[in-house]
C-alpha atoms as a PDB file:
ATOM      1  CA  UNK A   1      -0.042   0.134  -0.447  1.00  0.00           C
ATOM      2  CA  UNK A   2       1.449   2.780  -1.128  1.00  0.00           C
ATOM      3  CA  UNK A   3       2.740   5.733   1.819  1.00  0.00           C
ATOM      4  CA  UNK A   4       0.808   9.471   1.348  1.00  0.00           C
ATOM      5  CA  UNK A   5       3.382  12.037   1.243  1.00  0.00           C
ATOM      6  CA  UNK A   6       4.029  14.238   3.702  1.00  0.00           C
ATOM      7  CA  UNK A   7       2.550  18.240   2.755  1.00  0.00           C
ATOM      8  CA  UNK A   8       5.683  20.234   2.057  1.00  0.00           C
ATOM      9  CA  UNK A   9       5.548  23.296   4.735  1.00  0.00           C
ATOM     10  CA  UNK A  10       7.443  26.170   2.641  1.00  0.00           C
ATOM     11  CA  UNK A  11       9.020  28.706   5.097  1.00  0.00           C
ATOM     12  CA  UNK A  12       7.020  32.434   4.274  1.00  0.00           C
ATOM     13  CA  UNK A  13       9.358  34.306   2.080  1.00  0.00           C
ATOM     14  CA  UNK A  14      10.907  36.978   3.622  1.00  0.00           C
ATOM     15  CA  UNK A  15      10.107  40.360   1.839  1.00  0.00           C
ATOM     16  CA  UNK A  16      12.385  42.007  -0.153  1.00  0.00           C
ATOM     17  CA  UNK A  17      14.181  44.918   0.456  1.00  0.00           C
ATOM     18  CA  UNK A  18      11.938  47.211  -1.706  1.00  0.00           C
ATOM     19  CA  UNK A  19       9.225  45.533  -0.526  1.00  0.00           C
ATOM     20  CA  UNK A  20      10.315  46.113   3.901  1.00  0.00           C
ATOM     21  CA  UNK A  21      11.623  50.581   2.839  1.00  0.00           C
ATOM     22  CA  UNK A  22       7.716  50.568   1.381  1.00  0.00           C
ATOM     23  CA  UNK A  23       6.335  48.971   4.381  1.00  0.00           C
ATOM     24  CA  UNK A  24       8.640  50.658   6.207  1.00  0.00           C
ATOM     25  CA  UNK A  25       7.045  54.525   4.748  1.00  0.00           C
ATOM     26  CA  UNK A  26       3.765  53.368   4.471  1.00  0.00           C
ATOM     27  CA  UNK A  27       4.088  52.776   8.663  1.00  0.00           C
ATOM     28  CA  UNK A  28       5.725  56.497   9.010  1.00  0.00           C
ATOM     29  CA  UNK A  29       3.154  58.150   6.937  1.00  0.00           C
ATOM     30  CA  UNK A  30       0.424  56.830   9.127  1.00  0.00           C
ATOM     31  CA  UNK A  31       2.163  57.818  12.249  1.00  0.00           C
ATOM     32  CA  UNK A  32       3.335  61.130  11.379  1.00  0.00           C
ATOM     33  CA  UNK A  33      -0.656  61.136  10.556  1.00  0.00           C
ATOM     34  CA  UNK A  34      -1.771  59.933  13.991  1.00  0.00           C
ATOM     35  CA  UNK A  35       1.274  62.250  15.882  1.00  0.00           C
ATOM     36  CA  UNK A  36      -0.770  65.868  13.947  1.00  0.00           C
ATOM     37  CA  UNK A  37      -4.035  64.556  14.803  1.00  0.00           C
ATOM     38  CA  UNK A  38      -3.259  63.900  18.303  1.00  0.00           C
ATOM     39  CA  UNK A  39      -0.692  65.155  19.571  1.00  0.00           C
ATOM     40  CA  UNK A  40       3.176  63.229  20.180  1.00  0.00           C
ATOM     41  CA  UNK A  41       2.853  63.015  24.135  1.00  0.00           C
ATOM     42  CA  UNK A  42      -1.408  61.724  23.833  1.00  0.00           C
ATOM     43  CA  UNK A  43      -0.351  58.797  21.167  1.00  0.00           C
ATOM     44  CA  UNK A  44       0.746  55.629  22.096  1.00  0.00           C
ATOM     45  CA  UNK A  45       2.379  53.042  19.771  1.00  0.00           C
ATOM     46  CA  UNK A  46      -0.575  51.153  20.641  1.00  0.00           C
ATOM     47  CA  UNK A  47      -2.362  53.474  18.717  1.00  0.00           C
ATOM     48  CA  UNK A  48      -0.118  53.891  15.749  1.00  0.00           C
ATOM     49  CA  UNK A  49      -0.037  49.746  15.397  1.00  0.00           C
ATOM     50  CA  UNK A  50      -4.254  50.224  15.376  1.00  0.00           C
ATOM     51  CA  UNK A  51      -4.027  52.202  13.161  1.00  0.00           C
ATOM     52  CA  UNK A  52      -2.269  50.593  10.916  1.00  0.00           C
ATOM     53  CA  UNK A  53      -3.817  47.479  11.081  1.00  0.00           C
ATOM     54  CA  UNK A  54      -1.142  45.063  12.899  1.00  0.00           C
ATOM     55  CA  UNK A  55      -0.673  44.008  16.617  1.00  0.00           C
ATOM     56  CA  UNK A  56       1.452  46.521  18.801  1.00  0.00           C
ATOM     57  CA  UNK A  57       4.555  43.934  19.157  1.00  0.00           C
ATOM     58  CA  UNK A  58       4.435  43.650  15.383  1.00  0.00           C
ATOM     59  CA  UNK A  59       5.481  47.492  14.844  1.00  0.00           C
ATOM     60  CA  UNK A  60       8.290  46.643  17.028  1.00  0.00           C
ATOM     61  CA  UNK A  61       9.792  44.867  14.346  1.00  0.00           C
ATOM     62  CA  UNK A  62      10.475  48.208  12.357  1.00  0.00           C
ATOM     63  CA  UNK A  63      10.642  50.577  15.166  1.00  0.00           C
ATOM     64  CA  UNK A  64      12.226  50.229  18.869  1.00  0.00           C
ATOM     65  CA  UNK A  65      10.550  53.371  19.764  1.00  0.00           C
ATOM     66  CA  UNK A  66       7.908  55.958  18.634  1.00  0.00           C
ATOM     67  CA  UNK A  67      10.814  58.140  19.565  1.00  0.00           C
ATOM     68  CA  UNK A  68      12.192  56.775  16.478  1.00  0.00           C
ATOM     69  CA  UNK A  69       9.410  57.222  14.481  1.00  0.00           C
ATOM     70  CA  UNK A  70       9.231  60.449  15.163  1.00  0.00           C
ATOM     71  CA  UNK A  71      12.687  61.306  14.604  1.00  0.00           C
ATOM     72  CA  UNK A  72      12.955  60.192  11.360  1.00  0.00           C
ATOM     73  CA  UNK A  73       9.538  61.249  10.168  1.00  0.00           C
ATOM     74  CA  UNK A  74      10.983  64.926  11.145  1.00  0.00           C
ATOM     75  CA  UNK A  75      14.406  64.439   9.120  1.00  0.00           C
ATOM     76  CA  UNK A  76      13.271  63.268   6.145  1.00  0.00           C
ATOM     77  CA  UNK A  77      10.745  65.994   6.026  1.00  0.00           C
ATOM     78  CA  UNK A  78      13.824  68.814   6.997  1.00  0.00           C
ATOM     79  CA  UNK A  79      16.105  66.842   4.692  1.00  0.00           C
ATOM     80  CA  UNK A  80      14.163  66.958   1.162  1.00  0.00           C
ATOM     81  CA  UNK A  81      13.635  70.550   2.585  1.00  0.00           C
ATOM     82  CA  UNK A  82      16.868  71.319   2.429  1.00  0.00           C
ATOM     83  CA  UNK A  83      17.664  70.358  -0.883  1.00  0.00           C
ATOM     84  CA  UNK A  84      15.896  72.146  -1.873  1.00  0.00           C
ATOM     85  CA  UNK A  85      16.175  75.515  -0.170  1.00  0.00           C
ATOM     86  CA  UNK A  86      20.202  74.611  -0.494  1.00  0.00           C
ATOM     87  CA  UNK A  87      19.537  74.353  -4.479  1.00  0.00           C
ATOM     88  CA  UNK A  88      17.706  77.195  -4.627  1.00  0.00           C
ATOM     89  CA  UNK A  89      19.860  79.555  -2.318  1.00  0.00           C
ATOM     90  CA  UNK A  90      22.970  78.488  -4.409  1.00  0.00           C
ATOM     91  CA  UNK A  91      21.454  79.610  -7.828  1.00  0.00           C
ATOM     92  CA  UNK A  92      22.099  82.627  -8.166  1.00  0.00           C
ATOM     93  CA  UNK A  93      19.065  84.222  -8.276  1.00  0.00           C
ATOM     94  CA  UNK A  94      18.040  87.860  -7.780  1.00  0.00           C
ATOM     95  CA  UNK A  95      16.379  88.454  -4.172  1.00  0.00           C
ATOM     96  CA  UNK A  96      12.753  88.532  -4.654  1.00  0.00           C
ATOM     97  CA  UNK A  97      13.349  85.670  -7.422  1.00  0.00           C
ATOM     98  CA  UNK A  98      14.788  83.879  -4.595  1.00  0.00           C
ATOM     99  CA  UNK A  99      11.857  84.374  -1.857  1.00  0.00           C
ATOM    100  CA  UNK A 100       9.521  83.353  -5.164  1.00  0.00           C
ATOM    101  CA  UNK A 101      11.366  79.965  -5.145  1.00  0.00           C
ATOM    102  CA  UNK A 102      11.644  79.690  -1.353  1.00  0.00           C
ATOM    103  CA  UNK A 103       7.987  80.312  -0.682  1.00  0.00           C
ATOM    104  CA  UNK A 104       7.083  77.373  -3.436  1.00  0.00           C
ATOM    105  CA  UNK A 105       9.547  74.867  -2.624  1.00  0.00           C
ATOM    106  CA  UNK A 106       7.670  75.652   1.043  1.00  0.00           C
ATOM    107  CA  UNK A 107       4.809  74.813  -0.345  1.00  0.00           C
ATOM    108  CA  UNK A 108       5.935  71.888  -2.314  1.00  0.00           C
ATOM    109  CA  UNK A 109       7.404  70.167   0.942  1.00  0.00           C
ATOM    110  CA  UNK A 110       4.138  70.986   2.627  1.00  0.00           C
ATOM    111  CA  UNK A 111       2.716  68.925  -0.151  1.00  0.00           C
ATOM    112  CA  UNK A 112       4.973  65.960   0.272  1.00  0.00           C
ATOM    113  CA  UNK A 113       4.909  66.325   4.171  1.00  0.00           C
ATOM    114  CA  UNK A 114       1.363  68.186   5.217  1.00  0.00           C
ATOM    115  CA  UNK A 115       1.486  65.519   9.108  1.00  0.00           C
ATOM    116  CA  UNK A 116       5.549  66.318   9.100  1.00  0.00           C
ATOM    117  CA  UNK A 117       5.006  70.004   9.374  1.00  0.00           C
ATOM    118  CA  UNK A 118       1.855  70.228  11.583  1.00  0.00           C
ATOM    119  CA  UNK A 119       4.059  68.043  13.968  1.00  0.00           C
ATOM    120  CA  UNK A 120       7.028  70.593  14.016  1.00  0.00           C
ATOM    121  CA  UNK A 121       4.941  73.234  14.668  1.00  0.00           C
ATOM    122  CA  UNK A 122       3.182  72.415  17.631  1.00  0.00           C
ATOM    123  CA  UNK A 123       5.871  70.041  18.938  1.00  0.00           C
ATOM    124  CA  UNK A 124       8.985  71.266  18.024  1.00  0.00           C
ATOM    125  CA  UNK A 125       9.224  73.563  21.106  1.00  0.00           C
ATOM    126  CA  UNK A 126       9.043  70.997  23.486  1.00  0.00           C
ATOM    127  CA  UNK A 127      11.144  68.644  21.575  1.00  0.00           C
ATOM    128  CA  UNK A 128      14.467  70.866  21.282  1.00  0.00           C
ATOM    129  CA  UNK A 129      15.126  70.555  24.952  1.00  0.00           C
ATOM    130  CA  UNK A 130      15.831  66.767  24.391  1.00  0.00           C
ATOM    131  CA  UNK A 131      19.490  66.119  22.883  1.00  0.00           C
ATOM    132  CA  UNK A 132      17.847  63.749  20.255  1.00  0.00           C
ATOM    133  CA  UNK A 133      16.178  66.357  18.578  1.00  0.00           C
ATOM    134  CA  UNK A 134      18.481  69.064  18.672  1.00  0.00           C
ATOM    135  CA  UNK A 135      18.947  68.906  15.062  1.00  0.00           C
ATOM    136  CA  UNK A 136      15.305  70.859  15.520  1.00  0.00           C
ATOM    137  CA  UNK A 137      17.398  74.099  16.386  1.00  0.00           C
ATOM    138  CA  UNK A 138      19.885  73.510  14.203  1.00  0.00           C
ATOM    139  CA  UNK A 139      17.000  73.882  11.386  1.00  0.00           C
ATOM    140  CA  UNK A 140      15.600  76.939  12.751  1.00  0.00           C
ATOM    141  CA  UNK A 141      18.858  78.787  12.880  1.00  0.00           C
ATOM    142  CA  UNK A 142      19.662  78.059   9.496  1.00  0.00           C
ATOM    143  CA  UNK A 143      16.067  78.993   8.260  1.00  0.00           C
ATOM    144  CA  UNK A 144      16.025  82.026   9.804  1.00  0.00           C
ATOM    145  CA  UNK A 145      19.228  82.644   8.548  1.00  0.00           C
ATOM    146  CA  UNK A 146      18.318  81.820   4.808  1.00  0.00           C
ATOM    147  CA  UNK A 147      15.175  84.242   5.153  1.00  0.00           C
ATOM    148  CA  UNK A 148      16.497  87.329   6.822  1.00  0.00           C
ATOM    149  CA  UNK A 149      19.635  87.146   4.535  1.00  0.00           C
ATOM    150  CA  UNK A 150      17.370  87.247   1.463  1.00  0.00           C
ATOM    151  CA  UNK A 151      15.469  89.848   2.515  1.00  0.00           C
ATOM    152  CA  UNK A 152      18.101  91.867   3.800  1.00  0.00           C
ATOM    153  CA  UNK A 153      19.631  91.426   0.290  1.00  0.00           C
ATOM    154  CA  UNK A 154      16.373  92.411  -1.135  1.00  0.00           C
ATOM    155  CA  UNK A 155      16.459  95.254   0.847  1.00  0.00           C
ATOM    156  CA  UNK A 156      20.184  96.552  -0.395  1.00  0.00           C
ATOM    157  CA  UNK A 157      19.718  95.849  -3.629  1.00  0.00           C
ATOM    158  CA  UNK A 158      16.343  97.978  -3.788  1.00  0.00           C
ATOM    159  CA  UNK A 159      13.975  95.093  -4.743  1.00  0.00           C
ATOM    160  CA  UNK A 160      12.113  95.314  -2.116  1.00  0.00           C
ATOM    161  CA  UNK A 161      11.324  98.668   0.257  1.00  0.00           C
ATOM    162  CA  UNK A 162      14.135 100.476   1.839  1.00  0.00           C
ATOM    163  CA  UNK A 163      11.443 101.067   4.906  1.00  0.00           C
ATOM    164  CA  UNK A 164      10.947  97.467   5.310  1.00  0.00           C
ATOM    165  CA  UNK A 165      11.375  95.807   8.621  1.00  0.00           C
ATOM    166  CA  UNK A 166      13.031  92.192   7.814  1.00  0.00           C
ATOM    167  CA  UNK A 167      12.726  90.465  10.673  1.00  0.00           C
ATOM    168  CA  UNK A 168       8.871  91.045  11.432  1.00  0.00           C
ATOM    169  CA  UNK A 169       8.115  90.398   7.275  1.00  0.00           C
ATOM    170  CA  UNK A 170      10.167  87.578   7.486  1.00  0.00           C
ATOM    171  CA  UNK A 171       8.389  86.208  10.694  1.00  0.00           C
ATOM    172  CA  UNK A 172       5.240  86.964   8.382  1.00  0.00           C
ATOM    173  CA  UNK A 173       6.443  85.198   5.699  1.00  0.00           C
ATOM    174  CA  UNK A 174       7.083  82.236   8.273  1.00  0.00           C
ATOM    175  CA  UNK A 175       4.423  81.714   9.719  1.00  0.00           C
ATOM    176  CA  UNK A 176       1.084  82.282   6.776  1.00  0.00           C
ATOM    177  CA  UNK A 177       3.645  79.956   4.962  1.00  0.00           C
ATOM    178  CA  UNK A 178       3.482  77.109   7.389  1.00  0.00           C
ATOM    179  CA  UNK A 179       0.347  77.660   9.160  1.00  0.00           C
ATOM    180  CA  UNK A 180      -0.516  76.517   5.780  1.00  0.00           C
ATOM    181  CA  UNK A 181      -0.293  73.172   6.821  1.00  0.00           C
ATOM    182  CA  UNK A 182      -3.300  73.140   9.333  1.00  0.00           C
ATOM    183  CA  UNK A 183      -6.222  73.710   6.001  1.00  0.00           C
ATOM    184  CA  UNK A 184      -4.302  71.791   3.036  1.00  0.00           C
ATOM    185  CA  UNK A 185      -4.317  68.485   1.885  1.00  0.00           C
ATOM    186  CA  UNK A 186      -3.072  66.782  -1.086  1.00  0.00           C
ATOM    187  CA  UNK A 187      -4.775  66.574  -4.095  1.00  0.00           C
ATOM    188  CA  UNK A 188      -7.082  69.251  -3.611  1.00  0.00           C
ATOM    189  CA  UNK A 189      -8.134  72.052  -6.183  1.00  0.00           C
ATOM    190  CA  UNK A 190      -4.975  74.068  -6.340  1.00  0.00           C
ATOM    191  CA  UNK A 191      -1.155  72.759  -6.524  1.00  0.00           C
ATOM    192  CA  UNK A 192       1.240  73.571  -4.576  1.00  0.00           C
ATOM    193  CA  UNK A 193       2.744  76.103  -7.030  1.00  0.00           C
ATOM    194  CA  UNK A 194      -0.407  77.867  -7.788  1.00  0.00           C
ATOM    195  CA  UNK A 195      -0.928  78.703  -4.126  1.00  0.00           C
ATOM    196  CA  UNK A 196       2.206  79.801  -3.772  1.00  0.00           C
ATOM    197  CA  UNK A 197       2.095  81.910  -6.914  1.00  0.00           C
ATOM    198  CA  UNK A 198      -1.853  83.319  -5.127  1.00  0.00           C
ATOM    199  CA  UNK A 199       0.664  84.113  -2.054  1.00  0.00           C
ATOM    200  CA  UNK A 200       3.187  85.659  -3.503  1.00  0.00           C
ATOM    201  CA  UNK A 201       0.811  87.861  -6.122  1.00  0.00           C
ATOM    202  CA  UNK A 202      -0.609  89.553  -2.163  1.00  0.00           C
ATOM    203  CA  UNK A 203       2.700  89.473  -0.250  1.00  0.00           C
ATOM    204  CA  UNK A 204       5.061  91.408  -2.936  1.00  0.00           C
ATOM    205  CA  UNK A 205       2.622  93.714  -3.448  1.00  0.00           C
ATOM    206  CA  UNK A 206       3.438  94.840  -0.421  1.00  0.00           C
ATOM    207  CA  UNK A 207       6.728  94.667  -0.370  1.00  0.00           C
ATOM    208  CA  UNK A 208       8.517  95.432  -3.642  1.00  0.00           C
ATOM    209  CA  UNK A 209       9.411  98.492  -4.812  1.00  0.00           C
ATOM    210  CA  UNK A 210       6.713  99.914  -7.313  1.00  0.00           C
ATOM    211  CA  UNK A 211       8.106 101.539 -10.601  1.00  0.00           C
END
């Protein structure tokens, strides 16, 4: 009598590096949305796992803590922001064109990282006190220097009004650009470039030299 063959047990295939990386990005996107909506301190690893449709223990396979997730979310956003800003600042544009390009790049980053921008706005003052998040303060200093130097150059080259208070203008531009993260939704009626164009048309009529 022929013996029955034992069923072959195949070990589950390990995900490819690309698949693992894609899953990591997906989980970070979920975490960013939860942090932005509920606040960092109020969010637990279990909350993130629930939104991702997985067990909390499974999330630890990808990240060792919610702090690690938050750090990667903010570093990714700021690294991309500075890639764009540094390209603009090194391009040799005039002050008005530099301002226009920086504003446009800012809206593009809001489009790509809306939740991260919202987290940055809400949490950065508390986070900078931790050594792990000291890079936030470094980025803020670079950010302020880039914008102030552009405005000062514009005043010096008579592209902007001579009586312009550059620090006040910097704060106004900074706050009115980044607050867009509270209402902007990717895929909406207006592209980030169109929003930047409309925004600049309002701002520059107030600070550009009139012929």
